[in-house]
């Protein structure tokens, strides 16, 4: 039995299907199926129940999962410790953030880093999923909520200012563009509802970029983070009596990587962004 087989086992257990596991590991679906069958034969037990909806762990599979996760944690710890001791300012740095924050804030730091340290390659992942720092799905994560995972070094990077925007020249206050219902509890959603209680919701999206474009097309007033709103052609700030609530932005990385030179260099560039001082 090899560790590589257990990595495939973990991917199938987490993804629920061979296809999802294959995409996660960059392998083919038939290869994943053969490796799982080989692992079951080596262990002499059935690890998954095959159903029409995917792969479900058997009792034996659940017992193996606990051991495999401990092995994974140790292997990842070795990899993080080794990475954290690398002294050269080169290599790949995987960074995760929301789409608008990556495009309108982090690209400034990425460009500056490229000038100072051209051998560092930043891989920016704009994903709504909360990627795992422990499993090295990302080296550095930016998000609007603090981290509660163990062994994560974090800091409040900035308070991001938000403002209300409307299509350039528009004076209409009867329609709004806002977050989708899954994010209805966000502070700016409640603020916009309070400021314009009689306005009709014309468009909802979990994408701030989509909200900005909808606002530019005259679909209604939107509350947007200022770096995005100010950079979007065709919209302008509107005064509704008070400013909407801002949001804290947190950065986090695994403590094992705290001495990684390329990570420290990138954080320094991020801290130099003007909006970080707001």
Protein backbone atom coordinates (compact mmCIF):
# COMPACT_ATOMS: atom_id res chain seq x y z
CA UNK A 1 0.00 0.00 0.00
CA UNK A 2 1.36 3.38 -1.05
CA UNK A 3 0.62 6.88 0.23
CA UNK A 4 -0.41 7.87 -3.30
CA UNK A 5 -3.24 5.30 -3.14
CA UNK A 6 -4.45 6.78 0.13
CA UNK A 7 -4.42 10.27 -1.42
CA UNK A 8 -6.78 8.97 -4.09
CA UNK A 9 -8.92 7.32 -1.41
CA UNK A 10 -9.18 10.65 0.44
CA UNK A 11 -10.08 12.52 -2.76
CA UNK A 12 -12.90 10.08 -3.56
CA UNK A 13 -14.17 10.16 0.03
CA UNK A 14 -14.29 13.97 -0.05
CA UNK A 15 -15.53 14.41 -3.60
CA UNK A 16 -18.10 11.63 -3.56
CA UNK A 17 -17.42 10.64 -7.18
CA UNK A 18 -14.49 9.47 -9.27
CA UNK A 19 -14.95 12.47 -11.56
CA UNK A 20 -14.68 14.98 -8.72
CA UNK A 21 -11.64 13.21 -7.30
CA UNK A 22 -9.99 13.05 -10.73
CA UNK A 23 -10.44 16.80 -11.24
CA UNK A 24 -9.03 17.48 -7.79
CA UNK A 25 -5.89 15.42 -8.37
CA UNK A 26 -5.45 16.06 -12.10
CA UNK A 27 -5.82 12.39 -13.07
CA UNK A 28 -8.23 10.47 -15.27
CA UNK A 29 -11.41 8.91 -13.94
CA UNK A 30 -10.51 5.35 -15.09
CA UNK A 31 -7.16 5.66 -13.31
CA UNK A 32 -8.93 6.66 -10.11
CA UNK A 33 -11.25 3.68 -10.36
CA UNK A 34 -8.39 1.23 -10.91
CA UNK A 35 -6.41 2.63 -7.97
CA UNK A 36 -9.40 2.38 -5.62
CA UNK A 37 -10.04 -1.23 -6.66
CA UNK A 38 -6.36 -2.03 -6.16
CA UNK A 39 -6.41 -0.45 -2.69
CA UNK A 40 -9.51 -2.45 -1.73
CA UNK A 41 -7.85 -5.67 -2.94
CA UNK A 42 -4.67 -4.85 -1.00
CA UNK A 43 -6.65 -4.23 2.20
CA UNK A 44 -9.02 -7.12 1.60
CA UNK A 45 -12.12 -5.05 2.23
CA UNK A 46 -14.67 -2.84 0.45
CA UNK A 47 -14.07 0.82 1.19
CA UNK A 48 -16.95 2.35 -0.76
CA UNK A 49 -20.50 1.47 -1.56
CA UNK A 50 -21.14 2.32 -5.21
CA UNK A 51 -24.50 4.08 -5.63
CA UNK A 52 -26.26 5.91 -8.45
CA UNK A 53 -25.33 9.20 -6.78
CA UNK A 54 -21.69 8.41 -6.13
CA UNK A 55 -19.33 6.67 -3.71
CA UNK A 56 -20.37 6.30 -0.06
CA UNK A 57 -17.94 5.11 2.61
CA UNK A 58 -18.61 1.71 4.14
CA UNK A 59 -17.98 1.20 7.86
CA UNK A 60 -14.57 -0.21 6.95
CA UNK A 61 -13.93 2.78 4.71
CA UNK A 62 -14.82 5.20 7.50
CA UNK A 63 -12.28 3.47 9.77
CA UNK A 64 -9.59 3.75 7.08
CA UNK A 65 -10.51 7.42 6.55
CA UNK A 66 -9.56 8.36 10.10
CA UNK A 67 -6.11 6.81 9.71
CA UNK A 68 -5.61 8.25 6.22
CA UNK A 69 -6.44 11.76 7.44
CA UNK A 70 -3.84 11.46 10.21
CA UNK A 71 -1.27 10.30 7.67
CA UNK A 72 -2.20 13.20 5.40
CA UNK A 73 -1.82 15.69 8.25
CA UNK A 74 1.68 14.39 9.00
CA UNK A 75 2.71 14.39 5.33
CA UNK A 76 1.43 17.92 4.84
CA UNK A 77 3.18 19.03 8.00
CA UNK A 78 6.47 17.74 6.63
CA UNK A 79 5.85 19.55 3.32
CA UNK A 80 4.93 22.81 5.06
CA UNK A 81 7.95 22.64 7.34
CA UNK A 82 10.24 22.01 4.38
CA UNK A 83 8.66 24.84 2.36
CA UNK A 84 8.90 27.23 5.28
CA UNK A 85 12.67 26.79 5.44
CA UNK A 86 13.31 27.55 1.76
CA UNK A 87 15.34 30.76 1.62
CA UNK A 88 15.20 31.79 -2.04
CA UNK A 89 12.79 34.44 -3.27
CA UNK A 90 11.37 32.27 -6.02
CA UNK A 91 8.76 29.60 -6.60
CA UNK A 92 4.96 29.53 -6.75
CA UNK A 93 2.72 31.21 -4.15
CA UNK A 94 -0.95 30.13 -4.19
CA UNK A 95 -3.23 32.97 -3.06
CA UNK A 96 -7.00 32.76 -2.62
CA UNK A 97 -9.52 35.61 -2.45
CA UNK A 98 -12.90 36.74 -3.78
CA UNK A 99 -12.99 37.67 -7.46
CA UNK A 100 -13.33 41.44 -7.05
CA UNK A 101 -10.71 41.66 -4.29
CA UNK A 102 -8.24 39.71 -6.36
CA UNK A 103 -8.85 41.81 -9.47
CA UNK A 104 -9.03 45.28 -7.93
CA UNK A 105 -6.78 45.04 -4.87
CA UNK A 106 -4.36 42.12 -4.98
CA UNK A 107 -3.24 42.60 -8.58
CA UNK A 108 -1.54 45.83 -7.45
CA UNK A 109 0.54 43.86 -4.96
CA UNK A 110 1.15 41.03 -7.45
CA UNK A 111 2.48 43.49 -10.04
CA UNK A 112 4.74 45.19 -7.50
CA UNK A 113 6.03 41.81 -6.32
CA UNK A 114 6.81 40.85 -9.92
CA UNK A 115 8.98 43.94 -10.34
CA UNK A 116 10.93 43.33 -7.13
CA UNK A 117 11.11 39.54 -7.29
CA UNK A 118 10.47 38.30 -10.84
CA UNK A 119 11.25 34.69 -9.94
CA UNK A 120 8.15 34.49 -7.70
CA UNK A 121 5.00 33.34 -9.50
CA UNK A 122 1.69 34.19 -7.81
CA UNK A 123 -1.17 31.83 -8.60
CA UNK A 124 -4.39 33.69 -7.75
CA UNK A 125 -7.45 31.53 -7.09
CA UNK A 126 -10.72 33.47 -6.97
CA UNK A 127 -13.08 30.94 -5.45
CA UNK A 128 -16.11 31.18 -3.20
CA UNK A 129 -14.98 28.01 -1.41
CA UNK A 130 -13.01 28.35 1.79
CA UNK A 131 -9.81 26.64 0.69
CA UNK A 132 -7.85 24.65 3.25
CA UNK A 133 -4.57 26.15 4.40
CA UNK A 134 -3.70 22.94 6.25
CA UNK A 135 -3.97 20.88 3.04
CA UNK A 136 -1.99 23.49 1.03
CA UNK A 137 -4.97 24.21 -1.24
CA UNK A 138 -3.69 27.76 -0.81
CA UNK A 139 -0.66 29.27 0.90
CA UNK A 140 -2.34 32.59 1.73
CA UNK A 141 -6.05 33.38 1.99
CA UNK A 142 -7.88 36.72 2.11
CA UNK A 143 -11.47 36.76 3.38
CA UNK A 144 -13.98 38.89 5.30
CA UNK A 145 -14.25 36.64 8.37
CA UNK A 146 -11.56 35.69 10.90
CA UNK A 147 -10.04 32.23 10.75
CA UNK A 148 -11.01 29.69 13.39
CA UNK A 149 -8.88 26.80 12.13
CA UNK A 150 -5.98 25.67 14.38
CA UNK A 151 -2.39 26.64 13.58
CA UNK A 152 -3.37 29.58 11.36
CA UNK A 153 -1.50 32.87 11.66
CA UNK A 154 -3.87 35.71 10.84
CA UNK A 155 -4.23 39.46 11.01
CA UNK A 156 -6.86 42.05 10.17
CA UNK A 157 -5.47 43.54 7.01
CA UNK A 158 -7.83 46.49 6.48
CA UNK A 159 -11.32 47.81 6.84
CA UNK A 160 -12.64 47.96 3.30
CA UNK A 161 -14.82 51.02 2.65
CA UNK A 162 -18.11 50.54 0.78
CA UNK A 163 -20.31 53.12 -0.93
CA UNK A 164 -23.64 53.30 -2.72
CA UNK A 165 -23.43 53.61 -6.51
CA UNK A 166 -25.85 54.38 -9.32
CA UNK A 167 -25.57 54.62 -13.09
CA UNK A 168 -23.89 57.87 -14.10
CA UNK A 169 -26.48 60.65 -14.23
CA UNK A 170 -29.32 58.55 -12.79
CA UNK A 171 -31.47 59.93 -9.97
CA UNK A 172 -33.81 56.92 -9.62
CA UNK A 173 -34.17 55.51 -6.12
CA UNK A 174 -36.83 52.89 -6.81
CA UNK A 175 -34.68 49.87 -7.73
CA UNK A 176 -31.70 48.19 -6.10
CA UNK A 177 -29.03 45.65 -6.99
CA UNK A 178 -27.99 43.46 -4.09
CA UNK A 179 -26.57 40.13 -2.89
CA UNK A 180 -28.42 36.88 -3.56
CA UNK A 181 -30.63 35.37 -0.88
CA UNK A 182 -27.87 33.07 0.43
CA UNK A 183 -25.96 36.21 1.48
CA UNK A 184 -28.99 38.18 2.65
CA UNK A 185 -27.52 38.56 6.13
CA UNK A 186 -24.57 40.67 5.00
CA UNK A 187 -24.43 44.16 6.58
CA UNK A 188 -24.68 46.09 3.31
CA UNK A 189 -27.87 44.22 2.34
CA UNK A 190 -29.61 45.29 5.56
CA UNK A 191 -28.27 48.84 5.21
CA UNK A 192 -29.59 49.22 1.66
CA UNK A 193 -32.98 47.85 2.71
CA UNK A 194 -33.08 50.33 5.60
CA UNK A 195 -32.09 53.31 3.44
CA UNK A 196 -34.50 52.48 0.60
CA UNK A 197 -37.32 50.45 2.17
CA UNK A 198 -39.70 50.99 -0.74
CA UNK A 199 -37.23 50.16 -3.50
CA UNK A 200 -37.77 47.04 -5.60
CA UNK A 201 -35.00 44.47 -5.89
CA UNK A 202 -34.17 44.38 -9.60
CA UNK A 203 -31.17 42.05 -9.54
CA UNK A 204 -29.41 39.72 -7.11
CA UNK A 205 -25.99 38.09 -7.41
CA UNK A 206 -23.26 36.72 -5.20
CA UNK A 207 -20.76 38.35 -7.60
CA UNK A 208 -19.81 41.93 -6.80
CA UNK A 209 -18.49 42.30 -10.34
CA UNK A 210 -21.90 41.33 -11.74
CA UNK A 211 -23.60 43.78 -9.38
CA UNK A 212 -21.32 46.59 -10.58
CA UNK A 213 -22.07 45.85 -14.24
CA UNK A 214 -25.82 45.63 -13.56
CA UNK A 215 -25.63 49.00 -11.80
CA UNK A 216 -23.82 50.49 -14.80
CA UNK A 217 -26.61 49.24 -17.06
CA UNK A 218 -29.14 51.17 -14.98
CA UNK A 219 -30.70 48.27 -13.12
CA UNK A 220 -30.57 50.03 -9.76
CA UNK A 221 -28.52 51.30 -6.85
CA UNK A 222 -25.79 48.95 -5.60
CA UNK A 223 -23.58 48.93 -2.53
CA UNK A 224 -20.06 48.06 -3.64
CA UNK A 225 -16.55 47.96 -2.20
CA UNK A 226 -14.95 51.25 -3.23
CA UNK A 227 -11.98 49.83 -5.19
CA UNK A 228 -14.47 48.02 -7.42
CA UNK A 229 -17.11 50.75 -7.61
CA UNK A 230 -14.66 53.56 -8.30
CA UNK A 231 -12.99 51.54 -11.07
CA UNK A 232 -16.23 50.56 -12.85
CA UNK A 233 -17.02 52.73 -15.86
CA UNK A 234 -20.54 54.11 -16.02
CA UNK A 235 -21.34 54.37 -12.30
CA UNK A 236 -20.84 57.03 -9.66
CA UNK A 237 -21.21 57.32 -5.90
CA UNK A 238 -24.54 58.48 -4.53
CA UNK A 239 -25.18 59.99 -1.07
CA UNK A 240 -28.04 58.28 0.77
CA UNK A 241 -27.47 60.20 3.98
CA UNK A 242 -24.80 58.01 5.55
CA UNK A 243 -22.07 55.65 4.39
CA UNK A 244 -22.81 51.92 4.28
CA UNK A 245 -20.90 49.68 6.69
CA UNK A 246 -17.41 48.64 5.66
CA UNK A 247 -16.03 45.13 6.03
CA UNK A 248 -12.86 43.90 7.67
CA UNK A 249 -10.51 41.90 5.45
CA UNK A 250 -8.42 39.19 7.11
CA UNK A 251 -5.36 37.40 5.78
CA UNK A 252 -4.29 34.01 7.01
CA UNK A 253 -1.61 31.40 6.40
CA UNK A 254 -0.43 28.26 8.15
CA UNK A 255 2.11 28.91 10.92
CA UNK A 256 4.53 26.47 9.31
CA UNK A 257 4.90 28.94 6.41
CA UNK A 258 5.50 32.04 8.52
CA UNK A 259 9.18 32.17 7.53
CA UNK A 260 8.60 31.42 3.82
CA UNK A 261 10.37 34.31 2.05
CA UNK A 262 8.03 34.57 -0.94
CA UNK A 263 4.99 34.68 1.35
CA UNK A 264 6.53 37.36 3.55
CA UNK A 265 7.53 39.40 0.48
CA UNK A 266 4.00 39.29 -0.90
CA UNK A 267 2.43 40.27 2.43
CA UNK A 268 4.75 43.30 2.53
CA UNK A 269 3.50 44.38 -0.90
CA UNK A 270 -0.12 43.93 0.17
CA UNK A 271 0.43 46.06 3.27
CA UNK A 272 1.79 48.83 1.03
CA UNK A 273 -1.45 49.09 -0.97
CA UNK A 274 -3.02 52.50 -0.13
CA UNK A 275 -6.45 51.04 0.69
CA UNK A 276 -4.81 48.93 3.41
CA UNK A 277 -4.44 52.07 5.51
CA UNK A 278 -8.17 52.89 5.52
